[in-house]
Protein backbone atom coordinates (compact mmCIF):
# COMPACT_ATOMS: atom_id res chain seq x y z
CA MET A 1 2.79 -9.26 3.92
CA THR A 2 -0.04 -8.95 6.42
CA LEU A 3 -0.49 -7.37 9.83
CA LYS A 4 -2.34 -8.62 12.88
CA THR A 5 -3.38 -5.67 14.98
CA ASP A 6 -5.16 -6.78 18.13
CA LEU A 7 -5.85 -3.74 20.30
CA GLU A 8 -4.08 -4.94 23.46
CA THR A 9 -0.88 -5.74 21.59
CA LEU A 10 -0.71 -2.43 19.72
CA ARG A 11 -1.27 -0.32 22.82
CA ASP A 12 0.73 -2.26 25.39
CA GLY A 13 3.37 -4.03 23.32
CA LYS A 14 2.36 -7.44 24.63
CA ASN A 15 3.28 -10.40 22.45
CA LEU A 16 1.42 -13.45 21.26
CA GLU A 17 2.76 -16.89 22.05
CA HIS A 18 5.09 -18.51 19.55
CA GLN A 19 3.40 -20.09 16.56
CA ILE A 20 4.61 -22.52 13.93
CA CYS A 21 5.67 -21.27 10.52
CA SER A 22 4.88 -23.35 7.43
CA ASP A 23 8.40 -24.85 7.30
CA GLY A 24 8.05 -26.25 10.81
CA THR A 25 10.27 -23.68 12.52
CA ILE A 26 9.23 -21.56 15.47
CA CYS A 27 8.32 -18.01 14.53
CA ASN A 28 9.24 -15.25 16.96
CA ASN A 29 6.88 -12.85 18.68
CA LYS A 30 6.98 -10.41 15.78
CA LEU A 31 6.70 -12.90 12.93
CA ILE A 32 3.73 -15.14 13.70
CA GLY A 33 3.40 -16.82 10.32
CA ALA A 34 5.34 -17.44 7.11
CA LYS A 35 4.21 -19.46 4.10
CA ASN A 36 5.53 -20.05 0.59
CA PHE A 37 2.93 -19.69 -2.17
CA ILE A 38 5.18 -19.87 -5.22
CA ASP A 39 3.46 -22.25 -7.69
CA ALA A 40 0.41 -22.45 -5.42
CA GLY A 41 -1.71 -21.36 -8.36
CA LYS A 42 -0.66 -24.55 -10.12
CA GLY A 43 -1.70 -26.64 -7.14
CA LYS A 44 1.86 -27.42 -6.05
CA ALA A 45 3.04 -24.81 -3.58
CA ARG A 46 6.70 -25.23 -2.67
CA ARG A 47 7.60 -26.71 0.67
CA SER A 48 10.81 -24.72 0.94
CA ALA A 49 11.08 -22.05 3.63
CA PRO A 50 9.78 -18.63 2.50
CA PHE A 51 13.12 -16.87 2.82
CA ASP A 52 13.57 -13.38 1.39
CA GLN A 53 16.20 -13.62 -1.34
CA ASP A 54 16.34 -10.04 -2.60
CA GLY A 55 15.45 -7.89 0.43
CA HIS A 56 12.18 -6.48 -0.88
CA GLY A 57 9.90 -8.31 1.54
CA THR A 58 12.10 -7.70 4.57
CA HIS A 59 12.32 -3.99 3.79
CA THR A 60 8.58 -3.53 3.30
CA SER A 61 7.62 -5.65 6.32
CA SER A 62 9.90 -3.76 8.68
CA THR A 63 8.59 -0.46 7.32
CA ALA A 64 5.04 -1.46 8.20
CA ALA A 65 5.63 -3.10 11.58
CA GLY A 66 9.30 -3.32 12.52
CA ASN A 67 10.28 -3.21 16.19
CA PHE A 68 12.26 -0.32 17.69
CA VAL A 69 15.97 -0.71 16.86
CA GLU A 70 18.53 1.71 18.30
CA GLY A 71 21.57 2.71 16.28
CA ALA A 72 19.99 1.87 12.93
CA SER A 73 21.78 3.31 9.90
CA LEU A 74 23.37 2.48 6.60
CA PHE A 75 27.04 3.46 6.89
CA GLY A 76 26.05 6.39 9.08
CA GLN A 77 23.16 7.54 6.90
CA ALA A 78 19.78 8.08 8.65
CA ASN A 79 21.35 7.21 11.99
CA GLY A 80 19.01 6.86 14.95
CA THR A 81 16.29 4.62 16.35
CA ALA A 82 14.28 2.93 13.63
CA SER A 83 10.82 1.42 13.85
CA GLY A 84 7.96 0.53 11.60
CA MET A 85 4.74 2.51 11.49
CA ALA A 86 2.99 0.02 13.79
CA PRO A 87 5.88 -1.42 15.82
CA TYR A 88 3.70 -3.55 18.10
CA ALA A 89 1.74 -5.20 15.30
CA HIS A 90 2.47 -8.80 14.35
CA LEU A 91 3.51 -9.93 10.88
CA ALA A 92 2.43 -12.87 8.76
CA ILE A 93 4.41 -13.33 5.55
CA TYR A 94 3.08 -14.93 2.36
CA LYS A 95 5.81 -15.34 -0.25
CA VAL A 96 4.46 -15.09 -3.80
CA CYS A 97 7.37 -13.79 -5.90
CA GLY A 98 10.18 -15.88 -7.32
CA ALA A 99 13.41 -14.72 -8.86
CA TYR A 100 11.75 -13.32 -11.97
CA ASP A 101 8.05 -12.69 -11.43
CA CYS A 102 4.99 -12.85 -9.20
CA ALA A 103 2.33 -15.14 -10.69
CA ASP A 104 -1.19 -13.73 -10.39
CA ALA A 105 -2.61 -17.08 -9.30
CA ASP A 106 -0.03 -17.35 -6.52
CA VAL A 107 -0.86 -13.85 -5.30
CA LEU A 108 -4.57 -14.67 -5.19
CA ALA A 109 -3.93 -17.96 -3.36
CA ALA A 110 -1.86 -16.12 -0.75
CA MET A 111 -4.49 -13.42 -0.31
CA ASP A 112 -7.19 -16.05 0.21
CA ALA A 113 -5.00 -17.79 2.79
CA ALA A 114 -4.39 -14.52 4.63
CA VAL A 115 -8.14 -13.91 4.79
CA ASP A 116 -8.66 -17.40 6.20
CA ASP A 117 -5.90 -16.74 8.74
CA GLY A 118 -7.78 -13.71 10.06
CA VAL A 119 -5.32 -10.90 9.36
CA ASP A 120 -6.36 -7.27 9.78
CA VAL A 121 -4.36 -5.55 7.02
CA LEU A 122 -3.06 -6.82 3.68
CA SER A 123 -0.06 -4.92 2.27
CA LEU A 124 0.89 -5.67 -1.34
CA SER A 125 3.92 -3.88 -2.74
CA LEU A 126 3.35 -5.27 -6.21
CA GLY A 127 1.07 -4.83 -9.19
CA GLY A 128 0.78 -4.94 -12.95
CA PRO A 129 -0.57 -2.90 -15.86
CA SER A 130 -4.14 -1.68 -15.94
CA VAL A 131 -6.74 -4.32 -16.84
CA PRO A 132 -10.51 -4.55 -16.27
CA LEU A 133 -11.20 -5.17 -12.61
CA TYR A 134 -12.66 -8.63 -13.20
CA VAL A 135 -9.36 -9.68 -14.84
CA ASP A 136 -7.23 -8.19 -12.06
CA LEU A 137 -6.69 -11.01 -9.55
CA ILE A 138 -5.39 -8.58 -6.91
CA ALA A 139 -8.71 -6.72 -7.21
CA VAL A 140 -10.55 -10.05 -6.93
CA GLY A 141 -8.61 -11.07 -3.82
CA ALA A 142 -8.91 -7.61 -2.31
CA PHE A 143 -12.69 -7.63 -2.71
CA GLY A 144 -12.92 -10.88 -0.77
CA ALA A 145 -10.64 -9.46 1.92
CA MET A 146 -12.61 -6.21 2.15
CA ARG A 147 -15.82 -8.19 2.52
CA LYS A 148 -14.31 -9.82 5.63
CA GLY A 149 -13.32 -6.44 7.08
CA ILE A 150 -9.66 -6.60 6.02
CA PHE A 151 -7.97 -3.40 4.85
CA VAL A 152 -5.96 -3.72 1.60
CA SER A 153 -3.13 -1.33 0.71
CA CYS A 154 -1.27 -1.60 -2.61
CA SER A 155 1.51 0.27 -4.38
CA ALA A 156 0.56 2.55 -7.26
CA GLY A 157 3.51 1.46 -9.40
CA ASN A 158 6.85 2.89 -10.49
CA ASP A 159 6.02 3.86 -14.08
CA GLY A 160 5.70 7.61 -13.54
CA PRO A 161 5.63 10.34 -14.47
CA GLU A 162 3.57 9.09 -17.44
CA TYR A 163 -0.17 9.59 -17.08
CA GLY A 164 -2.37 6.51 -16.94
CA SER A 165 0.46 4.34 -15.62
CA LEU A 166 -1.21 3.12 -12.41
CA SER A 167 -1.51 -0.34 -10.93
CA ASN A 168 -4.20 -1.45 -8.46
CA GLU A 169 -7.08 0.79 -9.49
CA ALA A 170 -10.04 -0.83 -7.69
CA PRO A 171 -11.91 1.53 -5.32
CA TRP A 172 -11.81 -1.00 -2.46
CA ILE A 173 -7.98 -0.83 -2.51
CA LEU A 174 -5.92 2.02 -1.06
CA THR A 175 -3.61 2.89 -3.96
CA VAL A 176 -0.43 4.53 -2.68
CA GLY A 177 1.94 6.80 -4.61
CA ALA A 178 5.39 7.86 -3.42
CA SER A 179 6.78 11.10 -2.04
CA THR A 180 10.08 12.37 -0.71
CA THR A 181 10.75 13.08 2.95
CA ASP A 182 12.38 16.14 4.49
CA ARG A 183 15.58 14.19 5.14
CA ILE A 184 18.51 14.74 2.74
CA LEU A 185 21.28 12.17 2.90
CA ASN A 186 24.99 12.65 2.32
CA LEU A 187 26.39 11.55 -1.02
CA THR A 188 28.25 8.25 -0.74
CA SER A 189 30.58 6.48 -3.10
CA THR A 190 29.45 3.06 -1.89
CA PRO A 191 28.14 1.30 -5.02
CA THR A 192 25.69 -0.83 -3.05
CA VAL A 193 23.76 2.20 -1.86
CA THR A 194 21.62 3.92 -4.49
CA ASN A 195 19.25 6.86 -4.68
CA LEU A 196 21.12 9.01 -2.15
CA SER A 197 20.93 12.78 -2.64
CA LYS A 198 23.76 15.28 -2.37
CA GLY A 199 24.07 17.41 0.73
CA SER A 200 22.67 16.99 4.21
CA GLY A 201 19.98 18.52 6.36
CA SER A 202 16.29 18.94 5.53
CA ASP A 203 14.31 19.75 2.40
CA PRO A 204 11.77 22.56 2.96
CA LEU A 205 9.93 21.60 -0.23
CA ALA A 206 9.13 18.13 1.10
CA PRO A 207 7.06 16.21 0.52
CA LYS A 208 7.59 16.22 -3.26
CA VAL A 209 6.09 13.66 -5.60
CA ALA A 210 8.67 11.06 -6.62
CA ILE A 211 9.40 11.13 -10.35
CA PHE A 212 8.85 7.36 -10.62
CA SER A 213 5.48 7.36 -8.83
CA SER A 214 2.77 6.21 -11.26
CA ARG A 215 0.09 8.71 -12.21
CA GLY A 216 -3.61 8.60 -12.93
CA PRO A 217 -6.07 8.83 -14.48
CA ASN A 218 -7.62 5.54 -13.53
CA ILE A 219 -7.92 3.54 -16.76
CA ALA A 220 -9.99 0.67 -15.34
CA SER A 221 -12.53 3.01 -13.70
CA PRO A 222 -12.09 6.60 -14.94
CA GLY A 223 -14.62 8.06 -12.52
CA ILE A 224 -12.58 6.98 -9.48
CA LEU A 225 -9.61 9.25 -8.79
CA LYS A 226 -6.34 7.38 -8.29
CA PRO A 227 -3.83 7.26 -6.68
CA ASP A 228 -5.70 7.69 -3.42
CA ILE A 229 -2.80 9.05 -1.38
CA ILE A 230 0.96 9.54 -1.39
CA GLY A 231 3.39 8.64 1.38
CA PRO A 232 7.15 8.35 2.00
CA GLY A 233 8.80 6.28 -0.71
CA VAL A 234 12.19 7.87 -1.48
CA ASP A 235 15.40 6.94 0.35
CA ILE A 236 13.64 4.80 2.95
CA LEU A 237 15.81 3.11 5.59
CA ALA A 238 14.50 -0.29 6.67
CA ALA A 239 15.69 -3.79 7.55
CA TRP A 240 17.61 -5.97 5.10
CA PRO A 241 17.94 -9.78 5.26
CA TYR A 242 21.70 -9.89 4.76
CA SER A 243 24.68 -7.64 5.36
CA VAL A 244 25.26 -4.68 3.08
CA ASP A 245 29.04 -4.37 3.03
CA ASN A 246 31.48 -1.61 2.32
CA ALA A 247 35.20 -1.41 2.98
CA THR A 248 34.88 -0.75 6.71
CA SER A 249 31.55 -1.99 8.02
CA LYS A 250 28.50 -4.17 7.56
CA ALA A 251 24.86 -3.18 7.88
CA THR A 252 21.59 -5.10 8.03
CA PHE A 253 19.65 -2.05 6.90
CA ASN A 254 19.32 -0.64 3.41
CA ILE A 255 17.99 2.54 1.82
CA ILE A 256 15.85 2.05 -1.28
CA SER A 257 13.04 3.84 -3.10
CA GLY A 258 9.74 2.97 -4.75
CA THR A 259 6.01 2.88 -4.25
CA SER A 260 6.80 -0.50 -2.69
CA MET A 261 8.23 1.57 0.17
CA SER A 262 5.31 4.00 0.44
CA CYS A 263 2.68 1.25 0.50
CA PRO A 264 3.78 -0.29 3.85
CA HIS A 265 3.88 3.15 5.46
CA LEU A 266 0.15 3.39 4.77
CA SER A 267 -0.43 -0.23 5.77
CA GLY A 268 1.07 0.45 9.18
CA ILE A 269 -0.98 3.63 9.56
CA ALA A 270 -4.11 1.65 8.69
CA ALA A 271 -3.22 -0.84 11.42
CA LEU A 272 -2.94 1.97 13.96
CA LEU A 273 -6.30 3.41 12.89
CA LYS A 274 -7.88 -0.03 13.13
CA SER A 275 -6.56 -0.42 16.67
CA SER A 276 -7.96 2.97 17.69
CA HIS A 277 -11.28 2.46 15.90
CA PRO A 278 -11.92 -1.32 15.84
CA ASP A 279 -15.46 -0.75 14.55
CA TRP A 280 -14.29 1.08 11.42
CA SER A 281 -14.73 -0.68 8.09
CA PRO A 282 -11.90 -0.75 5.51
CA ALA A 283 -13.70 2.03 3.63
CA ALA A 284 -13.96 4.13 6.79
CA ILE A 285 -10.22 3.77 7.43
CA LYS A 286 -9.51 4.72 3.84
CA SER A 287 -11.83 7.72 4.09
CA ALA A 288 -10.08 8.93 7.25
CA ILE A 289 -6.70 8.73 5.53
CA MET A 290 -7.86 10.54 2.40
CA THR A 291 -10.01 13.31 3.86
CA THR A 292 -7.28 14.42 6.28
CA ALA A 293 -4.41 14.37 3.77
CA ASP A 294 -2.10 17.37 3.38
CA VAL A 295 -1.96 19.23 0.07
CA LEU A 296 0.65 21.74 1.26
CA ASN A 297 4.35 21.16 1.88
CA LEU A 298 6.49 22.17 4.85
CA VAL A 299 6.55 25.83 3.83
CA GLY A 300 2.80 26.02 3.29
CA LYS A 301 2.92 25.89 -0.50
CA PRO A 302 1.18 23.33 -2.75
CA ILE A 303 3.00 20.00 -2.96
CA VAL A 304 5.22 19.98 -6.05
CA ASP A 305 6.19 17.36 -8.61
CA GLU A 306 9.60 16.39 -9.95
CA TRP A 307 9.77 19.65 -11.94
CA LEU A 308 9.01 21.69 -8.80
CA ARG A 309 5.63 22.64 -10.25
CA PRO A 310 2.41 22.26 -8.25
CA ALA A 311 1.56 18.58 -8.49
CA ASP A 312 -1.80 17.70 -10.01
CA ILE A 313 -4.31 15.33 -8.50
CA PHE A 314 -3.25 12.47 -10.79
CA ALA A 315 0.08 12.57 -8.95
CA ILE A 316 -1.02 13.09 -5.34
CA GLY A 317 -4.65 11.93 -5.22
CA ALA A 318 -6.12 13.29 -1.99
CA GLY A 319 -2.66 14.47 -0.90
CA HIS A 320 0.09 13.38 1.48
CA VAL A 321 -0.88 11.19 4.43
CA ASN A 322 -1.20 12.89 7.83
CA PRO A 323 -1.56 10.13 10.47
CA SER A 324 -2.22 12.53 13.35
CA LYS A 325 -5.23 14.05 11.61
CA ALA A 326 -6.52 10.70 10.35
CA ILE A 327 -7.15 9.48 13.89
CA ASP A 328 -10.03 12.00 14.21
CA PRO A 329 -11.27 12.77 10.69
CA GLY A 330 -14.80 13.96 11.37
CA LEU A 331 -16.90 13.05 8.35
CA ILE A 332 -16.51 9.45 7.14
CA TYR A 333 -17.36 8.15 3.66
CA ASP A 334 -18.30 4.54 4.39
CA ILE A 335 -18.95 1.82 1.83
CA GLN A 336 -20.06 -1.76 2.45
CA ALA A 337 -19.29 -4.63 0.10
CA GLU A 338 -22.82 -4.70 -1.33
CA ASP A 339 -22.58 -1.01 -2.23
CA TYR A 340 -20.01 -1.83 -4.90
CA ILE A 341 -22.39 -4.07 -6.88
CA PRO A 342 -24.46 -1.24 -8.49
CA TYR A 343 -21.14 0.51 -9.20
CA LEU A 344 -19.85 -2.58 -11.04
CA CYS A 345 -23.13 -2.85 -12.95
CA GLY A 346 -22.63 0.80 -13.90
CA LEU A 347 -19.26 -0.06 -15.44
CA ASN A 348 -21.26 -2.15 -17.95
CA TYR A 349 -19.63 -5.36 -16.81
CA THR A 350 -21.65 -8.47 -17.60
CA GLU A 351 -23.19 -10.39 -14.72
CA LYS A 352 -20.68 -13.17 -15.37
CA GLN A 353 -17.77 -10.73 -15.12
CA ILE A 354 -19.12 -9.30 -11.87
CA ARG A 355 -19.60 -12.82 -10.49
CA ILE A 356 -15.92 -13.54 -11.18
CA LEU A 357 -14.97 -10.43 -9.26
CA ILE A 358 -17.21 -10.68 -6.20
CA GLN A 359 -17.78 -14.45 -6.10
CA GLN A 360 -21.57 -14.30 -5.99
CA THR A 361 -24.45 -14.29 -8.45
CA VAL A 362 -25.65 -10.83 -9.48
CA ASN A 363 -28.73 -9.57 -11.31
CA CYS A 364 -28.02 -6.01 -12.41
CA SER A 365 -31.62 -5.46 -13.49
CA GLN A 366 -32.65 -5.99 -9.87
CA VAL A 367 -29.87 -4.16 -8.01
CA GLY A 368 -29.66 -1.33 -10.52
CA ALA A 369 -26.63 0.57 -11.77
CA ILE A 370 -25.01 3.77 -10.56
CA GLU A 371 -22.44 6.11 -12.05
CA GLU A 372 -18.95 6.02 -10.58
CA THR A 373 -19.52 9.48 -9.14
CA GLN A 374 -22.45 8.14 -7.09
CA LEU A 375 -20.26 5.76 -5.11
CA ASN A 376 -19.77 7.08 -1.57
CA TYR A 377 -16.07 7.65 -2.23
CA PRO A 378 -13.88 10.47 -0.80
CA SER A 379 -13.01 11.73 -4.29
CA PHE A 380 -14.19 11.30 -7.86
CA SER A 381 -13.49 12.48 -11.40
CA ILE A 382 -15.78 13.40 -14.26
CA PHE A 383 -15.06 13.17 -17.97
CA VAL A 384 -16.58 16.02 -19.99
CA SER A 385 -16.87 14.41 -23.40
CA SER A 386 -17.83 17.54 -25.34
CA SER A 387 -14.42 19.12 -24.85
CA HIS A 388 -12.41 15.98 -24.14
CA LYS A 389 -11.13 17.58 -20.96
CA LEU A 390 -11.08 16.02 -17.53
CA CYS A 391 -12.62 17.87 -14.61
CA VAL A 392 -11.94 16.47 -11.17
CA VAL A 393 -13.93 17.20 -8.05
CA GLU A 394 -12.56 16.17 -4.66
CA SER A 395 -14.58 15.84 -1.48
CA ASP A 396 -13.05 16.65 1.88
């Protein structure tokens, strides 16, 4: 899912003219593109319409950029006016997942197409186990997108609370973990609705780290602290492509949980920051989000984990996103695409491996190598080998 965030549209709510989706149908003023990339990596992308069959894409897309909808709820839960984080942004959808998996080659083909289409933000609520960055095709596609000024936000994964369980570890990606919100929903007996908490009202300990949210440290690049940020990912109400039924009513909204839900929250926030600061690079947007993050909960205490203990940095990264502060962050840690090359040389990758990743010839003896901690990144971690302990230093 991608977002187009032209400044006039985001501020004034004006719409682009209708455009043609890949199946020949007319897209509406919110959805300006939709393409099916299943089997594209094999050179035979399907011609069928890119319909959402399980709800995941509809839910995440509406979280990032859904329009204002009055009376939104799921059987009375979370009743009110719903909208995405950037409700006036436009959406382009690139379907890459079939019924059972998401092929890496299809994901990369879709990312390349989105770059060619000129999107502003790429939001990927998917990922896999840790691998070297030059093997990670999402990292490869994200580097090409970042080089063109496109912000890339990815989910951290749902394999927590185990340490070292992250997906999407590249420093040019915003890696998003999941937190709770201050909303507590009523318990329901409806079997379709899952992950609802007992009681009603608000949770003063919010935001808490979700138990499923994947944790660092960063296996692919240990000197880069991941996740970068946490955002709402538990009991998230958003659009659903078909009716969710119970005995008395139907609903086209659903409440689900995952880092897939937190990722589009940050994608929408990135779109808003891009509209307010069109000259900011992807790294500058990421820096603004990270350096203004909250590390305290609603009662002014440190954010806690699933055991109600102060959460460590491998759970929260820089902290919980604060969009209002991110709009005016002060100091910016900026990184250009070429700045990552000495960093990659410092990871002891071969020149061939780096060429696979950045799609250009590299001579590490000429550009030099730097330690991970020398990258102009908002946070970093240091391994102290003598004691086998990990010391983390965060910049803010």
